[in-house]
Protein backbone atom coordinates (compact mmCIF):
# COMPACT_ATOMS: atom_id res chain seq x y z
CA MET A 1 -19.08 73.33 106.89
CA GLU A 2 -21.41 73.04 103.87
CA TYR A 3 -18.87 70.87 102.06
CA ALA A 4 -18.64 68.51 105.04
CA GLU A 5 -22.40 68.33 105.41
CA ALA A 6 -22.65 67.55 101.64
CA ALA A 7 -20.08 64.72 102.15
CA LEU A 8 -22.21 63.21 104.89
CA ARG A 9 -25.27 63.32 102.68
CA CYS A 10 -23.28 61.46 100.06
CA GLY A 11 -22.35 58.74 102.53
CA LEU A 12 -18.63 59.65 102.45
CA HIS A 13 -16.43 58.71 105.40
CA GLU A 14 -13.53 61.00 104.60
CA ILE A 15 -12.91 64.20 102.54
CA GLY A 16 -10.09 66.57 102.02
CA ILE A 17 -10.23 70.34 101.96
CA SER A 18 -7.62 72.01 99.80
CA ASP A 19 -8.07 75.64 98.85
CA HIS A 20 -5.91 77.45 96.40
CA CYS A 21 -2.83 78.78 98.19
CA PRO A 22 -1.70 82.42 98.26
CA MET A 23 0.96 83.43 95.77
CA PRO A 24 3.54 86.18 96.06
CA HIS A 25 3.14 89.66 94.58
CA GLY A 26 -0.61 89.32 94.00
CA PHE A 27 -0.06 86.65 91.33
CA ASP A 28 -3.45 85.44 89.96
CA ALA A 29 -5.09 86.95 93.04
CA GLU A 30 -8.65 86.62 91.73
CA TRP A 31 -8.63 82.86 92.03
CA ARG A 32 -6.96 82.22 95.40
CA MET A 33 -6.92 83.25 99.06
CA GLU A 34 -4.75 86.10 100.21
CA ALA A 35 -1.84 85.45 102.54
CA ASP A 36 -3.66 87.13 105.43
CA GLU A 37 -6.56 84.68 104.93
CA LEU A 38 -4.45 81.57 105.53
CA ASP A 39 -4.90 81.49 109.30
CA GLY A 40 -8.65 81.92 108.96
CA TYR A 41 -8.68 79.00 106.41
CA LEU A 42 -6.90 76.78 108.92
CA GLU A 43 -9.14 77.76 111.81
CA GLU A 44 -12.26 77.10 109.77
CA VAL A 45 -11.03 73.63 108.68
CA GLN A 46 -10.18 72.84 112.34
CA ARG A 47 -13.68 73.85 113.41
CA VAL A 48 -15.19 71.55 110.76
CA GLN A 49 -12.91 68.73 111.78
CA ALA A 50 -14.05 68.99 115.43
CA ALA A 51 -17.76 69.22 114.44
CA MET A 52 -17.57 66.29 112.03
CA GLN A 53 -15.61 63.89 114.24
CA PRO A 54 -18.65 62.82 116.31
CA GLN A 55 -20.55 62.22 113.10
CA GLY A 56 -17.96 59.87 111.73
CA LEU A 57 -16.56 62.09 108.98
CA ILE A 58 -12.78 62.51 108.74
CA VAL A 59 -11.78 65.89 107.35
CA ARG A 60 -8.24 66.20 106.02
CA CYS A 61 -6.58 69.61 105.74
CA GLY A 62 -4.76 70.17 102.45
CA LEU A 63 -3.57 72.88 100.12
CA GLU A 64 -3.63 73.27 96.36
CA ALA A 65 -0.33 74.89 95.63
CA ASP A 66 -0.10 76.30 92.18
CA PHE A 67 3.31 75.63 90.60
CA HIS A 68 5.21 78.46 88.99
CA PRO A 69 8.94 78.35 88.65
CA SER A 70 9.28 81.91 90.10
CA ALA A 71 7.37 81.02 93.32
CA THR A 72 9.04 77.76 94.50
CA ASP A 73 10.72 79.32 97.56
CA TYR A 74 7.41 80.90 98.53
CA ILE A 75 5.56 77.66 98.16
CA GLN A 76 8.18 75.90 100.27
CA SER A 77 7.56 78.38 103.04
CA LEU A 78 3.82 77.65 102.93
CA LEU A 79 4.52 73.89 103.27
CA THR A 80 6.25 74.39 106.54
CA TYR A 81 3.54 76.84 107.81
CA HIS A 82 1.16 74.01 108.82
CA ASN A 83 1.21 70.24 109.28
CA TRP A 84 -0.83 69.58 106.09
CA ASP A 85 -2.33 66.24 105.39
CA TYR A 86 -1.57 66.52 101.70
CA VAL A 87 -0.45 69.14 99.11
CA ILE A 88 -1.71 69.15 95.52
CA GLY A 89 0.60 70.59 92.91
CA SER A 90 -1.29 72.10 90.00
CA VAL A 91 -0.20 73.88 86.80
CA HIS A 92 -2.59 76.62 85.63
CA PHE A 93 -0.03 78.74 83.71
CA ILE A 94 2.35 78.22 80.81
CA ASP A 95 4.74 81.12 81.33
CA ASP A 96 2.34 84.00 81.88
CA TRP A 97 -0.66 82.47 80.08
CA GLY A 98 -3.47 81.41 82.44
CA PHE A 99 -4.74 78.76 79.98
CA ASP A 100 -7.69 77.61 82.12
CA ASN A 101 -9.00 81.17 82.58
CA PRO A 102 -12.00 81.76 80.34
CA ASP A 103 -10.84 85.31 79.73
CA GLU A 104 -7.58 84.12 78.26
CA GLN A 105 -8.71 81.69 75.59
CA THR A 106 -7.75 83.98 72.70
CA ALA A 107 -4.12 83.10 73.50
CA TRP A 108 -4.69 79.87 71.65
CA GLU A 109 -4.44 81.96 68.44
CA ARG A 110 -0.74 82.45 69.32
CA TRP A 111 -0.04 78.84 70.13
CA GLY A 112 0.27 75.73 67.95
CA ILE A 113 -1.59 72.92 69.71
CA ASN A 114 1.37 70.57 69.70
CA GLU A 115 3.69 73.25 71.13
CA ALA A 116 1.16 74.20 73.79
CA TRP A 117 0.76 70.58 74.96
CA CYS A 118 4.50 70.04 75.00
CA ALA A 119 4.99 73.24 77.05
CA TYR A 120 2.24 72.22 79.42
CA PHE A 121 3.60 68.70 80.05
CA ASP A 122 7.07 70.15 80.61
CA ALA A 123 5.61 72.52 83.19
CA VAL A 124 3.88 69.57 84.89
CA ALA A 125 7.14 67.65 84.83
CA ALA A 126 8.87 70.57 86.50
CA SER A 127 6.22 70.63 89.21
CA ALA A 128 6.97 66.94 89.90
CA ASN A 129 10.76 67.60 89.83
CA ALA A 130 10.37 70.41 92.39
CA GLY A 131 9.84 67.84 95.19
CA LEU A 132 7.14 69.92 96.85
CA PHE A 133 3.93 67.97 96.35
CA ASP A 134 2.11 64.76 97.20
CA ILE A 135 -0.33 64.79 94.27
CA ILE A 136 -0.25 66.22 90.78
CA GLY A 137 -3.64 67.81 90.19
CA HIS A 138 -5.73 67.35 87.00
CA PRO A 139 -2.75 66.33 84.93
CA ASP A 140 -4.23 67.14 81.51
CA LEU A 141 -6.01 70.37 82.44
CA LEU A 142 -5.01 71.98 79.15
CA LYS A 143 -7.94 70.22 77.43
CA LYS A 144 -10.47 72.04 79.63
CA TYR A 145 -11.97 74.19 76.84
CA GLY A 146 -11.91 71.48 74.20
CA HIS A 147 -8.29 71.49 73.00
CA LYS A 148 -7.77 67.79 73.23
CA GLN A 149 -4.34 66.27 73.44
CA PRO A 150 -3.21 65.67 69.78
CA ASN A 151 -1.92 62.27 68.62
CA HIS A 152 1.51 63.59 67.68
CA ALA A 153 4.92 62.03 68.42
CA MET A 154 6.36 65.18 70.06
CA VAL A 155 3.37 65.39 72.41
CA HIS A 156 3.61 61.72 73.39
CA VAL A 157 7.31 62.22 74.13
CA ALA A 158 6.53 65.17 76.40
CA GLU A 159 3.74 63.25 78.13
CA ASN A 160 6.03 60.30 78.69
CA ARG A 161 8.69 62.66 80.03
CA MET A 162 6.14 64.13 82.48
CA LEU A 163 4.98 60.67 83.71
CA ALA A 164 8.60 59.65 84.19
CA ALA A 165 9.12 62.71 86.39
CA VAL A 166 6.01 61.86 88.46
CA LYS A 167 7.26 58.28 88.86
CA LEU A 168 10.69 59.34 89.87
CA ALA A 169 9.27 61.81 92.44
CA ASN A 170 7.14 59.06 93.91
CA ILE A 171 3.96 61.12 93.94
CA ALA A 172 0.38 60.42 92.91
CA LEU A 173 -1.67 61.61 89.95
CA GLU A 174 -5.15 62.93 90.66
CA ILE A 175 -8.10 61.38 88.79
CA SER A 176 -10.67 64.09 88.93
CA ALA A 177 -14.33 64.35 87.97
CA ALA A 178 -14.00 68.09 87.50
CA GLY A 179 -13.50 67.78 83.74
CA LEU A 180 -16.93 66.31 83.45
CA ARG A 181 -18.30 69.73 84.57
CA LYS A 182 -16.13 71.62 82.10
CA PRO A 183 -16.58 72.17 78.36
CA ILE A 184 -14.40 69.17 77.59
CA ALA A 185 -16.85 66.91 79.52
CA GLU A 186 -14.09 64.33 80.30
CA ILE A 187 -12.48 63.01 83.42
CA TYR A 188 -8.94 64.27 84.15
CA PRO A 189 -6.76 62.65 82.99
CA ARG A 190 -7.82 60.89 79.74
CA SER A 191 -7.96 57.13 79.67
CA SER A 192 -4.67 56.71 77.71
CA MET A 193 -2.76 58.57 80.41
CA VAL A 194 -4.31 56.36 83.08
CA VAL A 195 -3.03 53.32 81.13
CA LYS A 196 0.49 54.73 80.85
CA ALA A 197 0.61 55.69 84.48
CA ALA A 198 -0.68 52.33 85.61
CA LYS A 199 2.09 50.55 83.61
CA LEU A 200 4.62 52.71 85.45
CA GLY A 201 3.10 51.92 88.82
CA ILE A 202 2.13 55.55 89.55
CA PRO A 203 -0.54 55.68 92.27
CA PHE A 204 -3.73 57.66 91.85
CA ALA A 205 -5.62 59.90 94.27
CA TYR A 206 -9.30 60.63 93.65
CA GLY A 207 -10.79 64.13 93.77
CA SER A 208 -14.05 65.71 92.82
CA ASP A 209 -12.37 69.18 92.88
CA ALA A 210 -15.56 70.56 94.32
CA HIS A 211 -15.84 74.37 94.10
CA ALA A 212 -19.43 74.28 95.48
CA PRO A 213 -21.05 71.91 98.03
CA GLN A 214 -23.21 70.28 95.37
CA ASP A 215 -20.03 69.06 93.58
CA VAL A 216 -18.82 67.04 96.62
CA GLY A 217 -18.38 63.41 95.58
CA HIS A 218 -19.46 64.23 91.96
CA ALA A 219 -19.00 61.23 89.63
CA MET A 220 -16.80 59.52 92.17
CA GLN A 221 -17.87 56.03 91.03
CA GLU A 222 -17.11 56.91 87.37
CA CYS A 223 -13.60 57.88 88.23
CA LEU A 224 -13.04 54.80 90.35
CA GLN A 225 -14.53 52.61 87.66
CA CYS A 226 -12.15 54.09 85.17
CA LEU A 227 -9.22 53.04 87.34
CA GLN A 228 -10.63 49.56 87.88
CA GLN A 229 -11.08 49.13 84.13
CA HIS A 230 -7.31 49.40 83.89
CA ASN A 231 -6.63 46.99 86.70
CA ILE A 232 -5.91 49.65 89.32
CA THR A 233 -7.21 48.27 92.59
CA HIS A 234 -6.17 50.91 95.22
CA VAL A 235 -6.17 54.68 95.57
CA ALA A 236 -4.00 56.87 97.73
CA GLN A 237 -5.09 58.53 100.88
CA PHE A 238 -3.00 60.93 102.94
CA SER A 239 -2.55 61.95 106.56
CA GLY A 240 0.28 64.18 107.73
CA ARG A 241 1.64 64.01 104.19
CA LYS A 242 2.11 60.25 104.52
CA ARG A 243 0.57 58.13 101.84
CA CYS A 244 -1.37 54.95 102.33
CA MET A 245 -3.19 52.88 99.72
CA GLN A 246 -6.84 51.87 100.16
CA GLU A 247 -8.66 49.25 98.18
CA ILE A 248 -11.19 50.86 95.80
CA THR A 249 -14.02 48.52 96.97
CA HIS A 250 -13.68 50.10 100.48
CA VAL A 251 -13.65 53.74 99.28
CA ARG A 252 -16.51 55.82 100.64
């Protein structure tokens, strides 16, 4: 409820709630809900939807589904569990390395930066190829702790391969303000990826990736202005996993 109330204070007309989904065998359990919490999550979102409707706030019910090749069947079962409005596919692991976990940053000592970025983009491409998601979340998350994408031919090839997979899958990329709150202090994704995606005609969905009520709507205008600077005029919205495009000037 606190997130919805924060959205009203921001003057928003619509928000989406998308908690991190359960994963099998206790995988990465510290950062997500348990399977037996899923019904409670849905009930809580439904209560908020009912409470906010008279106040003019639309609350969409989504899920952030972490992609890992070993869990695709399990994720598929979650997608049929409820009539979600949208599902975000996000990559937080390269093999067994939780690269966005602050406790696992020493693993960079074992990775060359070019190889890490190529492996990351290949994992994101695989998430698009899986055909499970509506949105690819924070598509250059690997930079979170300051390891910026290198200007190297093999990395550019991997990035282009990932964007081609997103285009082929006909899904959206998320432009997210969350990176501004992280050590990298940059929007996800970086401007050059926005340019490449725009040339391919890939749609964008906006997200603040709020993990606390005070983050709701954070830097929304900066993200939308970034899109407009590259001649992107519309952003994706979802209902019942169907996408529609709304003009940026009407987004609130």
